[in-house]
Amino acid sequence: MTKRKTYLILVILFSLLFVALITLGSYWLSLKTLPEKQFGIAAFLFAFAAAFGQIGCLAMYIREMARQKHLAQIKQAQQTSENPSE
C-alpha cells in the first residue's frame, strides 16, 4: 500500500472515529447519572483528539502529494537536460 492510500485511509478512519465519539458522548451526556456524564466528557475530549489526528493525516497526505509532484518535475527536468536535441 502506498503512503497516499495509507493517509487517505487514516483520514477516513479518524473521521468515522470522530463522528462515533461525538454521537456516543452526546448520548452519555444526555443520561443523568454521574459516571455516564464523565464518560460523555471523556468521549468529547477523545473526539477532539481524533479531529487533530484527522487534520494531521490530511496534512501528511497533502505533503506526500506535493513531494511526488516535485519529484516528477525533477525527473522530467533531468530527462530534458539529457536529451536536449529532441
PDB file of N, CA and C in Angstrom:
ATOM      1  N   MET A   1       0.852  -1.174   0.000  1.00  0.00           N
ATOM      2  CA  MET A   1       0.000   0.000   0.000  1.00  0.00           C
ATOM      3  C   MET A   1       0.900   1.240   0.000  1.00  0.00           C
ATOM      4  N   THR A   2       0.545   2.201  -0.820  1.00  0.00           N
ATOM      5  CA  THR A   2       1.341   3.420  -0.912  1.00  0.00           C
ATOM      6  C   THR A   2       1.043   4.346   0.266  1.00  0.00           C
ATOM      7  N   LYS A   3       1.914   5.321   0.439  1.00  0.00           N
ATOM      8  CA  LYS A   3       1.711   6.285   1.523  1.00  0.00           C
ATOM      9  C   LYS A   3       0.424   7.080   1.317  1.00  0.00           C
ATOM     10  N   ARG A   4       0.128   7.398   0.065  1.00  0.00           N
ATOM     11  CA  ARG A   4      -1.096   8.159  -0.220  1.00  0.00           C
ATOM     12  C   ARG A   4      -2.332   7.415   0.249  1.00  0.00           C
ATOM     13  N   LYS A   5      -2.419   6.137  -0.089  1.00  0.00           N
ATOM     14  CA  LYS A   5      -3.575   5.344   0.328  1.00  0.00           C
ATOM     15  C   LYS A   5      -3.640   5.212   1.839  1.00  0.00           C
ATOM     16  N   THR A   6      -2.486   5.047   2.456  1.00  0.00           N
ATOM     17  CA  THR A   6      -2.444   4.929   3.910  1.00  0.00           C
ATOM     18  C   THR A   6      -2.983   6.193   4.572  1.00  0.00           C
ATOM     19  N   TYR A   7      -2.544   7.339   4.101  1.00  0.00           N
ATOM     20  CA  TYR A   7      -3.002   8.603   4.690  1.00  0.00           C
ATOM     21  C   TYR A   7      -4.498   8.813   4.446  1.00  0.00           C
ATOM     22  N   LEU A   8      -4.986   8.453   3.259  1.00  0.00           N
ATOM     23  CA  LEU A   8      -6.416   8.596   2.987  1.00  0.00           C
ATOM     24  C   LEU A   8      -7.253   7.662   3.857  1.00  0.00           C
ATOM     25  N   ILE A   9      -6.775   6.446   4.042  1.00  0.00           N
ATOM     26  CA  ILE A   9      -7.487   5.515   4.920  1.00  0.00           C
ATOM     27  C   ILE A   9      -7.495   6.032   6.356  1.00  0.00           C
ATOM     28  N   LEU A  10      -6.380   6.596   6.800  1.00  0.00           N
ATOM     29  CA  LEU A  10      -6.326   7.154   8.155  1.00  0.00           C
ATOM     30  C   LEU A  10      -7.251   8.361   8.307  1.00  0.00           C
ATOM     31  N   VAL A  11      -7.360   9.183   7.276  1.00  0.00           N
ATOM     32  CA  VAL A  11      -8.284  10.322   7.336  1.00  0.00           C
ATOM     33  C   VAL A  11      -9.721   9.814   7.482  1.00  0.00           C
ATOM     34  N   ILE A  12     -10.072   8.799   6.706  1.00  0.00           N
ATOM     35  CA  ILE A  12     -11.423   8.227   6.804  1.00  0.00           C
ATOM     36  C   ILE A  12     -11.642   7.604   8.177  1.00  0.00           C
ATOM     37  N   LEU A  13     -10.638   6.880   8.668  1.00  0.00           N
ATOM     38  CA  LEU A  13     -10.752   6.255   9.982  1.00  0.00           C
ATOM     39  C   LEU A  13     -10.954   7.290  11.082  1.00  0.00           C
ATOM     40  N   PHE A  14     -10.152   8.345  11.076  1.00  0.00           N
ATOM     41  CA  PHE A  14     -10.291   9.383  12.089  1.00  0.00           C
ATOM     42  C   PHE A  14     -11.616  10.131  11.954  1.00  0.00           C
ATOM     43  N   SER A  15     -12.101  10.285  10.727  1.00  0.00           N
ATOM     44  CA  SER A  15     -13.402  10.932  10.531  1.00  0.00           C
ATOM     45  C   SER A  15     -14.526  10.101  11.139  1.00  0.00           C
ATOM     46  N   LEU A  16     -14.513   8.805  10.868  1.00  0.00           N
ATOM     47  CA  LEU A  16     -15.531   7.926  11.431  1.00  0.00           C
ATOM     48  C   LEU A  16     -15.419   7.848  12.949  1.00  0.00           C
ATOM     49  N   LEU A  17     -14.200   7.817  13.455  1.00  0.00           N
ATOM     50  CA  LEU A  17     -13.991   7.803  14.903  1.00  0.00           C
ATOM     51  C   LEU A  17     -14.518   9.078  15.542  1.00  0.00           C
ATOM     52  N   PHE A  18     -14.299  10.204  14.885  1.00  0.00           N
ATOM     53  CA  PHE A  18     -14.798  11.487  15.395  1.00  0.00           C
ATOM     54  C   PHE A  18     -16.323  11.474  15.489  1.00  0.00           C
ATOM     55  N   VAL A  19     -16.975  11.038  14.419  1.00  0.00           N
ATOM     56  CA  VAL A  19     -18.441  11.004  14.407  1.00  0.00           C
ATOM     57  C   VAL A  19     -18.959  10.056  15.480  1.00  0.00           C
ATOM     58  N   ALA A  20     -18.339   8.892  15.605  1.00  0.00           N
ATOM     59  CA  ALA A  20     -18.784   7.915  16.604  1.00  0.00           C
ATOM     60  C   ALA A  20     -18.599   8.450  18.025  1.00  0.00           C
ATOM     61  N   LEU A  21     -17.486   9.106  18.283  1.00  0.00           N
ATOM     62  CA  LEU A  21     -17.246   9.622  19.628  1.00  0.00           C
ATOM     63  C   LEU A  21     -18.172  10.787  19.969  1.00  0.00           C
ATOM     64  N   ILE A  22     -18.461  11.633  18.999  1.00  0.00           N
ATOM     65  CA  ILE A  22     -19.399  12.732  19.248  1.00  0.00           C
ATOM     66  C   ILE A  22     -20.792  12.169  19.548  1.00  0.00           C
ATOM     67  N   THR A  23     -21.210  11.178  18.779  1.00  0.00           N
ATOM     68  CA  THR A  23     -22.521  10.561  19.000  1.00  0.00           C
ATOM     69  C   THR A  23     -22.586   9.887  20.369  1.00  0.00           C
ATOM     70  N   LEU A  24     -21.562   9.120  20.678  1.00  0.00           N
ATOM     71  CA  LEU A  24     -21.520   8.421  21.960  1.00  0.00           C
ATOM     72  C   LEU A  24     -21.455   9.407  23.126  1.00  0.00           C
ATOM     73  N   GLY A  25     -20.654  10.456  22.966  1.00  0.00           N
ATOM     74  CA  GLY A  25     -20.541  11.462  24.022  1.00  0.00           C
ATOM     75  C   GLY A  25     -21.841  12.194  24.261  1.00  0.00           C
ATOM     76  N   SER A  26     -22.545  12.530  23.203  1.00  0.00           N
ATOM     77  CA  SER A  26     -23.821  13.232  23.388  1.00  0.00           C
ATOM     78  C   SER A  26     -24.866  12.313  24.024  1.00  0.00           C
ATOM     79  N   TYR A  27     -24.828  11.029  23.681  1.00  0.00           N
ATOM     80  CA  TYR A  27     -25.749  10.082  24.313  1.00  0.00           C
ATOM     81  C   TYR A  27     -25.441   9.955  25.811  1.00  0.00           C
ATOM     82  N   TRP A  28     -24.175   9.816  26.135  1.00  0.00           N
ATOM     83  CA  TRP A  28     -23.805   9.668  27.546  1.00  0.00           C
ATOM     84  C   TRP A  28     -24.094  10.932  28.336  1.00  0.00           C
ATOM     85  N   LEU A  29     -23.932  12.082  27.714  1.00  0.00           N
ATOM     86  CA  LEU A  29     -24.244  13.321  28.430  1.00  0.00           C
ATOM     87  C   LEU A  29     -25.744  13.497  28.636  1.00  0.00           C
ATOM     88  N   SER A  30     -26.549  12.894  27.784  1.00  0.00           N
ATOM     89  CA  SER A  30     -27.998  13.002  27.960  1.00  0.00           C
ATOM     90  C   SER A  30     -28.486  12.189  29.153  1.00  0.00           C
ATOM     91  N   LEU A  31     -27.718  11.198  29.557  1.00  0.00           N
ATOM     92  CA  LEU A  31     -28.067  10.425  30.750  1.00  0.00           C
ATOM     93  C   LEU A  31     -27.753  11.266  31.986  1.00  0.00           C
ATOM     94  N   LYS A  32     -28.487  11.076  33.036  1.00  0.00           N
ATOM     95  CA  LYS A  32     -28.390  11.983  34.182  1.00  0.00           C
ATOM     96  C   LYS A  32     -27.481  11.487  35.302  1.00  0.00           C
ATOM     97  N   THR A  33     -26.929  10.283  35.189  1.00  0.00           N
ATOM     98  CA  THR A  33     -26.079   9.799  36.271  1.00  0.00           C
ATOM     99  C   THR A  33     -24.654  10.284  36.083  1.00  0.00           C
ATOM    100  N   LEU A  34     -23.912  10.348  37.171  1.00  0.00           N
ATOM    101  CA  LEU A  34     -22.576  10.931  37.157  1.00  0.00           C
ATOM    102  C   LEU A  34     -21.562  10.150  36.320  1.00  0.00           C
ATOM    103  N   PRO A  35     -21.480   8.820  36.463  1.00  0.00           N
ATOM    104  CA  PRO A  35     -20.441   8.138  35.664  1.00  0.00           C
ATOM    105  C   PRO A  35     -20.639   8.304  34.153  1.00  0.00           C
ATOM    106  N   GLU A  36     -21.892   8.287  33.695  1.00  0.00           N
ATOM    107  CA  GLU A  36     -22.125   8.438  32.260  1.00  0.00           C
ATOM    108  C   GLU A  36     -21.765   9.841  31.782  1.00  0.00           C
ATOM    109  N   LYS A  37     -22.016  10.842  32.617  1.00  0.00           N
ATOM    110  CA  LYS A  37     -21.624  12.207  32.236  1.00  0.00           C
ATOM    111  C   LYS A  37     -20.106  12.310  32.118  1.00  0.00           C
ATOM    112  N   GLN A  38     -19.398  11.672  33.002  1.00  0.00           N
ATOM    113  CA  GLN A  38     -17.936  11.690  32.929  1.00  0.00           C
ATOM    114  C   GLN A  38     -17.454  10.971  31.670  1.00  0.00           C
ATOM    115  N   PHE A  39     -18.097   9.849  31.339  1.00  0.00           N
ATOM    116  CA  PHE A  39     -17.748   9.155  30.098  1.00  0.00           C
ATOM    117  C   PHE A  39     -18.055  10.019  28.881  1.00  0.00           C
ATOM    118  N   GLY A  40     -19.140  10.770  28.949  1.00  0.00           N
ATOM    119  CA  GLY A  40     -19.502  11.657  27.845  1.00  0.00           C
ATOM    120  C   GLY A  40     -18.474  12.745  27.628  1.00  0.00           C
ATOM    121  N   ILE A  41     -18.007  13.335  28.710  1.00  0.00           N
ATOM    122  CA  ILE A  41     -16.970  14.374  28.605  1.00  0.00           C
ATOM    123  C   ILE A  41     -15.685  13.775  28.058  1.00  0.00           C
ATOM    124  N   ALA A  42     -15.329  12.587  28.527  1.00  0.00           N
ATOM    125  CA  ALA A  42     -14.129  11.916  28.012  1.00  0.00           C
ATOM    126  C   ALA A  42     -14.273  11.605  26.522  1.00  0.00           C
ATOM    127  N   ALA A  43     -15.469  11.198  26.109  1.00  0.00           N
ATOM    128  CA  ALA A  43     -15.684  10.902  24.684  1.00  0.00           C
ATOM    129  C   ALA A  43     -15.519  12.159  23.838  1.00  0.00           C
ATOM    130  N   PHE A  44     -16.007  13.310  24.336  1.00  0.00           N
ATOM    131  CA  PHE A  44     -15.820  14.556  23.596  1.00  0.00           C
ATOM    132  C   PHE A  44     -14.339  14.927  23.502  1.00  0.00           C
ATOM    133  N   LEU A  45     -13.595  14.719  24.568  1.00  0.00           N
ATOM    134  CA  LEU A  45     -12.160  15.015  24.519  1.00  0.00           C
ATOM    135  C   LEU A  45     -11.443  14.103  23.533  1.00  0.00           C
ATOM    136  N   PHE A  46     -11.798  12.827  23.535  1.00  0.00           N
ATOM    137  CA  PHE A  46     -11.204  11.915  22.560  1.00  0.00           C
ATOM    138  C   PHE A  46     -11.641  12.263  21.139  1.00  0.00           C
ATOM    139  N   ALA A  47     -12.830  12.797  20.978  1.00  0.00           N
ATOM    140  CA  ALA A  47     -13.291  13.210  19.649  1.00  0.00           C
ATOM    141  C   ALA A  47     -12.435  14.365  19.128  1.00  0.00           C
ATOM    142  N   PHE A  48     -12.077  15.291  20.002  1.00  0.00           N
ATOM    143  CA  PHE A  48     -11.205  16.383  19.562  1.00  0.00           C
ATOM    144  C   PHE A  48      -9.808  15.868  19.232  1.00  0.00           C
ATOM    145  N   ALA A  49      -9.347  14.865  19.956  1.00  0.00           N
ATOM    146  CA  ALA A  49      -8.067  14.251  19.611  1.00  0.00           C
ATOM    147  C   ALA A  49      -8.158  13.567  18.244  1.00  0.00           C
ATOM    148  N   ALA A  50      -9.295  12.933  17.960  1.00  0.00           N
ATOM    149  CA  ALA A  50      -9.490  12.315  16.646  1.00  0.00           C
ATOM    150  C   ALA A  50      -9.502  13.373  15.545  1.00  0.00           C
ATOM    151  N   ALA A  51     -10.060  14.536  15.842  1.00  0.00           N
ATOM    152  CA  ALA A  51     -10.064  15.622  14.848  1.00  0.00           C
ATOM    153  C   ALA A  51      -8.634  16.086  14.563  1.00  0.00           C
ATOM    154  N   PHE A  52      -7.817  16.172  15.601  1.00  0.00           N
ATOM    155  CA  PHE A  52      -6.421  16.547  15.380  1.00  0.00           C
ATOM    156  C   PHE A  52      -5.682  15.475  14.578  1.00  0.00           C
ATOM    157  N   GLY A  53      -5.990  14.213  14.831  1.00  0.00           N
ATOM    158  CA  GLY A  53      -5.404  13.134  14.036  1.00  0.00           C
ATOM    159  C   GLY A  53      -5.828  13.213  12.584  1.00  0.00           C
ATOM    160  N   GLN A  54      -7.073  13.570  12.362  1.00  0.00           N
ATOM    161  CA  GLN A  54      -7.588  13.720  11.003  1.00  0.00           C
ATOM    162  C   GLN A  54      -6.863  14.853  10.281  1.00  0.00           C
ATOM    163  N   ILE A  55      -6.710  15.967  10.951  1.00  0.00           N
ATOM    164  CA  ILE A  55      -6.010  17.111  10.345  1.00  0.00           C
ATOM    165  C   ILE A  55      -4.557  16.759  10.064  1.00  0.00           C
ATOM    166  N   GLY A  56      -3.920  16.054  10.988  1.00  0.00           N
ATOM    167  CA  GLY A  56      -2.528  15.652  10.786  1.00  0.00           C
ATOM    168  C   GLY A  56      -2.356  14.718   9.602  1.00  0.00           C
ATOM    169  N   CYS A  57      -3.240  13.749   9.471  1.00  0.00           N
ATOM    170  CA  CYS A  57      -3.155  12.811   8.342  1.00  0.00           C
ATOM    171  C   CYS A  57      -3.438  13.515   7.019  1.00  0.00           C
ATOM    172  N   LEU A  58      -4.368  14.452   7.044  1.00  0.00           N
ATOM    173  CA  LEU A  58      -4.649  15.213   5.831  1.00  0.00           C
ATOM    174  C   LEU A  58      -3.442  16.066   5.435  1.00  0.00           C
ATOM    175  N   ALA A  59      -2.763  16.639   6.413  1.00  0.00           N
ATOM    176  CA  ALA A  59      -1.558  17.420   6.127  1.00  0.00           C
ATOM    177  C   ALA A  59      -0.452  16.530   5.561  1.00  0.00           C
ATOM    178  N   MET A  60      -0.318  15.332   6.116  1.00  0.00           N
ATOM    179  CA  MET A  60       0.695  14.409   5.599  1.00  0.00           C
ATOM    180  C   MET A  60       0.352  13.951   4.176  1.00  0.00           C
ATOM    181  N   TYR A  61      -0.931  13.781   3.883  1.00  0.00           N
ATOM    182  CA  TYR A  61      -1.360  13.417   2.535  1.00  0.00           C
ATOM    183  C   TYR A  61      -1.013  14.535   1.555  1.00  0.00           C
ATOM    184  N   ILE A  62      -1.308  15.765   1.914  1.00  0.00           N
ATOM    185  CA  ILE A  62      -1.003  16.899   1.041  1.00  0.00           C
ATOM    186  C   ILE A  62       0.503  17.029   0.845  1.00  0.00           C
ATOM    187  N   ARG A  63       1.255  16.806   1.907  1.00  0.00           N
ATOM    188  CA  ARG A  63       2.716  16.874   1.816  1.00  0.00           C
ATOM    189  C   ARG A  63       3.242  15.795   0.868  1.00  0.00           C
ATOM    190  N   GLU A  64       2.699  14.585   0.964  1.00  0.00           N
ATOM    191  CA  GLU A  64       3.128  13.494   0.094  1.00  0.00           C
ATOM    192  C   GLU A  64       2.786  13.785  -1.363  1.00  0.00           C
ATOM    193  N   MET A  65       1.607  14.365  -1.597  1.00  0.00           N
ATOM    194  CA  MET A  65       1.231  14.728  -2.960  1.00  0.00           C
ATOM    195  C   MET A  65       2.191  15.766  -3.536  1.00  0.00           C
ATOM    196  N   ALA A  66       2.527  16.769  -2.750  1.00  0.00           N
ATOM    197  CA  ALA A  66       3.457  17.800  -3.206  1.00  0.00           C
ATOM    198  C   ALA A  66       4.846  17.212  -3.457  1.00  0.00           C
ATOM    199  N   ARG A  67       5.254  16.287  -2.594  1.00  0.00           N
ATOM    200  CA  ARG A  67       6.557  15.645  -2.757  1.00  0.00           C
ATOM    201  C   ARG A  67       6.604  14.829  -4.047  1.00  0.00           C
ATOM    202  N   GLN A  68       5.556  14.084  -4.333  1.00  0.00           N
ATOM    203  CA  GLN A  68       5.522  13.288  -5.570  1.00  0.00           C
ATOM    204  C   GLN A  68       5.507  14.183  -6.801  1.00  0.00           C
ATOM    205  N   LYS A  69       4.780  15.282  -6.719  1.00  0.00           N
ATOM    206  CA  LYS A  69       4.739  16.210  -7.849  1.00  0.00           C
ATOM    207  C   LYS A  69       6.114  16.828  -8.079  1.00  0.00           C
ATOM    208  N   HIS A  70       6.791  17.180  -6.992  1.00  0.00           N
ATOM    209  CA  HIS A  70       8.121  17.781  -7.100  1.00  0.00           C
ATOM    210  C   HIS A  70       9.118  16.781  -7.687  1.00  0.00           C
ATOM    211  N   LEU A  71       9.054  15.530  -7.230  1.00  0.00           N
ATOM    212  CA  LEU A  71       9.951  14.514  -7.764  1.00  0.00           C
ATOM    213  C   LEU A  71       9.691  14.259  -9.245  1.00  0.00           C
ATOM    214  N   ALA A  72       8.435  14.309  -9.663  1.00  0.00           N
ATOM    215  CA  ALA A  72       8.107  14.136 -11.074  1.00  0.00           C
ATOM    216  C   ALA A  72       8.665  15.285 -11.908  1.00  0.00           C
ATOM    217  N   GLN A  73       8.621  16.497 -11.379  1.00  0.00           N
ATOM    218  CA  GLN A  73       9.172  17.651 -12.091  1.00  0.00           C
ATOM    219  C   GLN A  73      10.688  17.540 -12.209  1.00  0.00           C
ATOM    220  N   ILE A  74      11.332  17.078 -11.155  1.00  0.00           N
ATOM    221  CA  ILE A  74      12.792  16.903 -11.200  1.00  0.00           C
ATOM    222  C   ILE A  74      13.157  15.839 -12.228  1.00  0.00           C
ATOM    223  N   LYS A  75      12.417  14.747 -12.237  1.00  0.00           N
ATOM    224  CA  LYS A  75      12.689  13.674 -13.197  1.00  0.00           C
ATOM    225  C   LYS A  75      12.484  14.154 -14.628  1.00  0.00           C
ATOM    226  N   GLN A  76      11.452  14.947 -14.853  1.00  0.00           N
ATOM    227  CA  GLN A  76      11.195  15.476 -16.190  1.00  0.00           C
ATOM    228  C   GLN A  76      12.298  16.444 -16.605  1.00  0.00           C
ATOM    229  N   ALA A  77      12.769  17.256 -15.664  1.00  0.00           N
ATOM    230  CA  ALA A  77      13.853  18.197 -15.981  1.00  0.00           C
ATOM    231  C   ALA A  77      15.142  17.457 -16.300  1.00  0.00           C
ATOM    232  N   GLN A  78      15.410  16.361 -15.600  1.00  0.00           N
ATOM    233  CA  GLN A  78      16.609  15.579 -15.887  1.00  0.00           C
ATOM    234  C   GLN A  78      16.518  14.930 -17.266  1.00  0.00           C
ATOM    235  N   GLN A  79      15.336  14.458 -17.634  1.00  0.00           N
ATOM    236  CA  GLN A  79      15.180  13.836 -18.949  1.00  0.00           C
ATOM    237  C   GLN A  79      15.342  14.855 -20.057  1.00  0.00           C
ATOM    238  N   THR A  80      14.849  16.064 -19.876  1.00  0.00           N
ATOM    239  CA  THR A  80      15.010  17.074 -20.925  1.00  0.00           C
ATOM    240  C   THR A  80      16.447  17.578 -21.002  1.00  0.00           C
ATOM    241  N   SER A  81      17.175  17.576 -19.869  1.00  0.00           N
ATOM    242  CA  SER A  81      18.567  18.018 -19.917  1.00  0.00           C
ATOM    243  C   SER A  81      19.463  16.950 -20.519  1.00  0.00           C
ATOM    244  N   GLU A  82      19.069  15.673 -20.404  1.00  0.00           N
ATOM    245  CA  GLU A  82      19.855  14.587 -21.009  1.00  0.00           C
ATOM    246  C   GLU A  82      19.638  14.516 -22.526  1.00  0.00           C
ATOM    247  N   ASN A  83      18.466  14.907 -22.985  1.00  0.00           N
ATOM    248  CA  ASN A  83      18.118  14.830 -24.405  1.00  0.00           C
ATOM    249  C   ASN A  83      17.749  16.229 -24.926  1.00  0.00           C
ATOM    250  N   PRO A  84      18.720  17.143 -25.060  1.00  0.00           N
ATOM    251  CA  PRO A  84      18.372  18.497 -25.499  1.00  0.00           C
ATOM    252  C   PRO A  84      18.050  18.570 -26.989  1.00  0.00           C
ATOM    253  N   SER A  85      18.467  17.612 -27.790  1.00  0.00           N
ATOM    254  CA  SER A  85      18.216  17.675 -29.235  1.00  0.00           C
ATOM    255  C   SER A  85      16.789  17.328 -29.586  1.00  0.00           C
ATOM    256  N   GLU A  86      16.045  16.696 -28.693  1.00  0.00           N
ATOM    257  CA  GLU A  86      14.691  16.287 -29.024  1.00  0.00           C
ATOM    258  C   GLU A  86      13.709  17.392 -28.790  1.00  0.00           C
TER     259      GLU A  86
END
